[in-house]
Amino acid sequence: MLRLADAWHARVMEDEIVSHAFSHGFNPAHTERLAAYWAQAWGGPAEFSEKYGDESAVVRMHSGEGVHEEMDRRAIDCFDQALVDAGLGDDKQLCRVLHDYFAWTTTVTMARYPFDRSEVPDGLTIPRWSWDGLVPE
């Protein structure tokens, strides 16, 4: 998980559009936090929620910056490349499932409040994703 988070972060920092999201600075433990978030979203332990916060905090961090479809598309492209960089590219089914998750969360959950982060409700839980897609709560 950490290898994938490192690969994605390296890719986005090299992208002239996506790297703008990090131009205001970022937590030095970003990749560790991201790996914990993905692990929890993909059915692993609730380490992210226990250590770092809930889904509301994550969505707020990604909200209030306007609509940015090109950045989202490029972030998804970076994720697809990161799957290869992290050594997962040969498993086509895994790559499809993880791509579907990342595309969904980028364009739906993280894009739901483009204009005002104060609209994000408290108490959101990290959505779970499985081989079959979004896991109902």
C-alpha atoms as a PDB file:
ATOM      1  CA  MET A   1       0.000   0.000   0.000  1.00  0.00           C
ATOM      2  CA  LEU A   2       2.794   2.374   0.918  1.00  0.00           C
ATOM      3  CA  ARG A   3       4.596   1.594  -2.338  1.00  0.00           C
ATOM      4  CA  LEU A   4       1.457   2.568  -4.298  1.00  0.00           C
ATOM      5  CA  ALA A   5       0.958   5.751  -2.262  1.00  0.00           C
ATOM      6  CA  ASP A   6       4.621   6.701  -2.808  1.00  0.00           C
ATOM      7  CA  ALA A   7       4.327   6.020  -6.544  1.00  0.00           C
ATOM      8  CA  TRP A   8       1.135   8.073  -6.859  1.00  0.00           C
ATOM      9  CA  HIS A   9       2.564  10.982  -4.891  1.00  0.00           C
ATOM     10  CA  ALA A  10       5.708  10.984  -7.051  1.00  0.00           C
ATOM     11  CA  ARG A  11       3.579  11.002 -10.212  1.00  0.00           C
ATOM     12  CA  VAL A  12       1.321  13.860  -9.117  1.00  0.00           C
ATOM     13  CA  MET A  13       4.238  15.982  -7.973  1.00  0.00           C
ATOM     14  CA  GLU A  14       5.662  15.680 -11.502  1.00  0.00           C
ATOM     15  CA  ASP A  15       2.359  16.688 -13.136  1.00  0.00           C
ATOM     16  CA  GLU A  16       2.108  20.420 -13.798  1.00  0.00           C
ATOM     17  CA  ILE A  17      -1.651  20.490 -13.156  1.00  0.00           C
ATOM     18  CA  VAL A  18      -2.143  17.996 -10.325  1.00  0.00           C
ATOM     19  CA  SER A  19       0.860  19.236  -8.355  1.00  0.00           C
ATOM     20  CA  HIS A  20      -0.996  22.528  -7.912  1.00  0.00           C
ATOM     21  CA  ALA A  21      -3.116  20.784  -5.262  1.00  0.00           C
ATOM     22  CA  PHE A  22       0.052  20.445  -3.171  1.00  0.00           C
ATOM     23  CA  SER A  23       1.381  23.966  -3.812  1.00  0.00           C
ATOM     24  CA  HIS A  24       0.091  25.194  -0.436  1.00  0.00           C
ATOM     25  CA  GLY A  25       2.102  22.500   1.317  1.00  0.00           C
ATOM     26  CA  PHE A  26       1.168  19.093   2.614  1.00  0.00           C
ATOM     27  CA  ASN A  27       1.615  16.892   5.625  1.00  0.00           C
ATOM     28  CA  PRO A  28       5.104  15.330   5.616  1.00  0.00           C
ATOM     29  CA  ALA A  29       3.450  11.980   6.385  1.00  0.00           C
ATOM     30  CA  HIS A  30       1.134  12.321   3.370  1.00  0.00           C
ATOM     31  CA  THR A  31       2.031   8.998   1.777  1.00  0.00           C
ATOM     32  CA  GLU A  32       1.705   7.078   5.052  1.00  0.00           C
ATOM     33  CA  ARG A  33      -1.685   8.675   5.693  1.00  0.00           C
ATOM     34  CA  LEU A  34      -2.805   7.982   2.127  1.00  0.00           C
ATOM     35  CA  ALA A  35      -1.720   4.346   2.384  1.00  0.00           C
ATOM     36  CA  ALA A  36      -3.663   3.979   5.651  1.00  0.00           C
ATOM     37  CA  TYR A  37      -6.722   5.628   4.064  1.00  0.00           C
ATOM     38  CA  TRP A  38      -6.642   3.333   1.039  1.00  0.00           C
ATOM     39  CA  ALA A  39      -6.071   0.279   3.233  1.00  0.00           C
ATOM     40  CA  GLN A  40      -9.164   1.124   5.253  1.00  0.00           C
ATOM     41  CA  ALA A  41     -11.231   1.924   2.155  1.00  0.00           C
ATOM     42  CA  TRP A  42     -10.205  -1.376   0.582  1.00  0.00           C
ATOM     43  CA  GLY A  43     -11.316  -3.450   3.557  1.00  0.00           C
ATOM     44  CA  GLY A  44      -8.287  -3.286   5.831  1.00  0.00           C
ATOM     45  CA  PRO A  45      -8.003  -2.091   9.420  1.00  0.00           C
ATOM     46  CA  ALA A  46      -9.471   1.234  10.553  1.00  0.00           C
ATOM     47  CA  GLU A  47      -5.997   2.665  11.190  1.00  0.00           C
ATOM     48  CA  PHE A  48      -6.711   5.873   9.290  1.00  0.00           C
ATOM     49  CA  SER A  49      -9.853   6.642  11.270  1.00  0.00           C
ATOM     50  CA  GLU A  50      -8.169   5.770  14.560  1.00  0.00           C
ATOM     51  CA  LYS A  51      -5.036   7.867  13.943  1.00  0.00           C
ATOM     52  CA  TYR A  52      -5.921  10.666  11.552  1.00  0.00           C
ATOM     53  CA  GLY A  53      -9.650  11.408  11.439  1.00  0.00           C
ATOM     54  CA  ASP A  54     -12.826  10.568   9.619  1.00  0.00           C
ATOM     55  CA  GLU A  55     -14.067  10.916   6.060  1.00  0.00           C
ATOM     56  CA  SER A  56     -15.437  14.381   6.809  1.00  0.00           C
ATOM     57  CA  ALA A  57     -11.908  15.666   7.452  1.00  0.00           C
ATOM     58  CA  VAL A  58     -10.630  14.110   4.228  1.00  0.00           C
ATOM     59  CA  VAL A  59     -13.505  15.469   2.132  1.00  0.00           C
ATOM     60  CA  ARG A  60     -13.063  18.947   3.655  1.00  0.00           C
ATOM     61  CA  MET A  61      -9.399  18.867   2.689  1.00  0.00           C
ATOM     62  CA  HIS A  62     -10.440  18.235  -0.931  1.00  0.00           C
ATOM     63  CA  SER A  63     -13.354  20.708  -0.994  1.00  0.00           C
ATOM     64  CA  GLY A  64     -13.867  24.401  -1.636  1.00  0.00           C
ATOM     65  CA  GLU A  65     -11.404  24.664  -4.520  1.00  0.00           C
ATOM     66  CA  GLY A  66     -13.955  24.813  -7.340  1.00  0.00           C
ATOM     67  CA  VAL A  67     -14.588  22.332 -10.124  1.00  0.00           C
ATOM     68  CA  HIS A  68     -11.351  20.901 -11.533  1.00  0.00           C
ATOM     69  CA  GLU A  69     -12.202  18.204 -14.049  1.00  0.00           C
ATOM     70  CA  GLU A  70      -8.845  18.326 -15.843  1.00  0.00           C
ATOM     71  CA  MET A  71      -6.959  17.959 -12.569  1.00  0.00           C
ATOM     72  CA  ASP A  72      -9.206  15.041 -11.595  1.00  0.00           C
ATOM     73  CA  ARG A  73      -8.655  13.310 -14.939  1.00  0.00           C
ATOM     74  CA  ARG A  74      -4.908  13.776 -14.676  1.00  0.00           C
ATOM     75  CA  ALA A  75      -4.868  12.554 -11.052  1.00  0.00           C
ATOM     76  CA  ILE A  76      -6.641   9.398 -12.226  1.00  0.00           C
ATOM     77  CA  ASP A  77      -4.083   8.987 -15.026  1.00  0.00           C
ATOM     78  CA  CYS A  78      -1.304   9.386 -12.438  1.00  0.00           C
ATOM     79  CA  PHE A  79      -2.950   6.695 -10.318  1.00  0.00           C
ATOM     80  CA  ASP A  80      -3.099   4.294 -13.262  1.00  0.00           C
ATOM     81  CA  GLN A  81       0.606   4.871 -13.912  1.00  0.00           C
ATOM     82  CA  ALA A  82       1.384   4.499 -10.203  1.00  0.00           C
ATOM     83  CA  LEU A  83      -0.197   1.039 -10.265  1.00  0.00           C
ATOM     84  CA  VAL A  84       2.423   0.058 -12.842  1.00  0.00           C
ATOM     85  CA  ASP A  85       5.214   1.881 -10.994  1.00  0.00           C
ATOM     86  CA  ALA A  86       4.302   0.006  -7.798  1.00  0.00           C
ATOM     87  CA  GLY A  87       4.578  -3.341  -9.576  1.00  0.00           C
ATOM     88  CA  LEU A  88       0.852  -4.072  -9.777  1.00  0.00           C
ATOM     89  CA  GLY A  89       0.411  -3.574 -13.518  1.00  0.00           C
ATOM     90  CA  ASP A  90       0.416  -7.263 -14.437  1.00  0.00           C
ATOM     91  CA  ASP A  91      -2.737  -7.945 -12.419  1.00  0.00           C
ATOM     92  CA  LYS A  92      -5.330  -6.499 -14.785  1.00  0.00           C
ATOM     93  CA  GLN A  93      -8.325  -7.319 -12.575  1.00  0.00           C
ATOM     94  CA  LEU A  94      -6.735  -5.651  -9.553  1.00  0.00           C
ATOM     95  CA  CYS A  95      -5.805  -2.601 -11.630  1.00  0.00           C
ATOM     96  CA  ARG A  96      -9.363  -2.330 -12.964  1.00  0.00           C
ATOM     97  CA  VAL A  97     -10.889  -2.523  -9.473  1.00  0.00           C
ATOM     98  CA  LEU A  98      -8.445   0.001  -8.009  1.00  0.00           C
ATOM     99  CA  HIS A  99      -8.857   2.314 -11.020  1.00  0.00           C
ATOM    100  CA  ASP A 100     -12.633   2.187 -10.612  1.00  0.00           C
ATOM    101  CA  TYR A 101     -12.294   3.038  -6.920  1.00  0.00           C
ATOM    102  CA  PHE A 102      -9.902   5.918  -7.496  1.00  0.00           C
ATOM    103  CA  ALA A 103     -11.962   7.355 -10.365  1.00  0.00           C
ATOM    104  CA  TRP A 104     -15.131   7.123  -8.262  1.00  0.00           C
ATOM    105  CA  THR A 105     -13.697   8.712  -5.138  1.00  0.00           C
ATOM    106  CA  THR A 106     -11.943  11.442  -7.145  1.00  0.00           C
ATOM    107  CA  THR A 107     -14.991  12.445  -9.181  1.00  0.00           C
ATOM    108  CA  VAL A 108     -17.740  11.743  -6.642  1.00  0.00           C
ATOM    109  CA  THR A 109     -16.851  11.806  -2.949  1.00  0.00           C
ATOM    110  CA  MET A 110     -13.940  14.247  -3.121  1.00  0.00           C
ATOM    111  CA  ALA A 111     -15.731  16.462  -5.667  1.00  0.00           C
ATOM    112  CA  ARG A 112     -19.098  16.690  -3.909  1.00  0.00           C
ATOM    113  CA  TYR A 113     -18.487  20.110  -2.278  1.00  0.00           C
ATOM    114  CA  PRO A 114     -16.529  22.127  -4.835  1.00  0.00           C
ATOM    115  CA  PHE A 115     -17.362  25.603  -3.577  1.00  0.00           C
ATOM    116  CA  ASP A 116     -17.708  25.546   0.196  1.00  0.00           C
ATOM    117  CA  ARG A 117     -15.924  23.116   2.486  1.00  0.00           C
ATOM    118  CA  SER A 118     -18.167  24.204   5.363  1.00  0.00           C
ATOM    119  CA  GLU A 119     -20.996  22.279   3.653  1.00  0.00           C
ATOM    120  CA  VAL A 120     -19.268  18.951   4.364  1.00  0.00           C
ATOM    121  CA  PRO A 121     -21.274  17.247   7.120  1.00  0.00           C
ATOM    122  CA  ASP A 122     -19.630  15.926  10.258  1.00  0.00           C
ATOM    123  CA  GLY A 123     -19.436  12.217  10.941  1.00  0.00           C
ATOM    124  CA  LEU A 124     -18.884  10.831   7.446  1.00  0.00           C
ATOM    125  CA  THR A 125     -17.315   7.382   7.402  1.00  0.00           C
ATOM    126  CA  ILE A 126     -14.735   6.177   4.922  1.00  0.00           C
ATOM    127  CA  PRO A 127     -16.566   4.358   2.122  1.00  0.00           C
ATOM    128  CA  ARG A 128     -15.510   0.735   1.641  1.00  0.00           C
ATOM    129  CA  TRP A 129     -14.663  -0.692  -1.775  1.00  0.00           C
ATOM    130  CA  SER A 130     -14.457  -4.359  -2.741  1.00  0.00           C
ATOM    131  CA  TRP A 131     -13.850  -6.425  -5.849  1.00  0.00           C
ATOM    132  CA  ASP A 132     -17.503  -5.710  -6.671  1.00  0.00           C
ATOM    133  CA  GLY A 133     -17.343  -1.949  -6.147  1.00  0.00           C
ATOM    134  CA  LEU A 134     -18.822   0.228  -3.436  1.00  0.00           C
ATOM    135  CA  VAL A 135     -19.817  -1.732  -0.335  1.00  0.00           C
ATOM    136  CA  PRO A 136     -23.240  -0.657   0.983  1.00  0.00           C
ATOM    137  CA  GLU A 137     -23.186   0.726   4.523  1.00  0.00           C
END
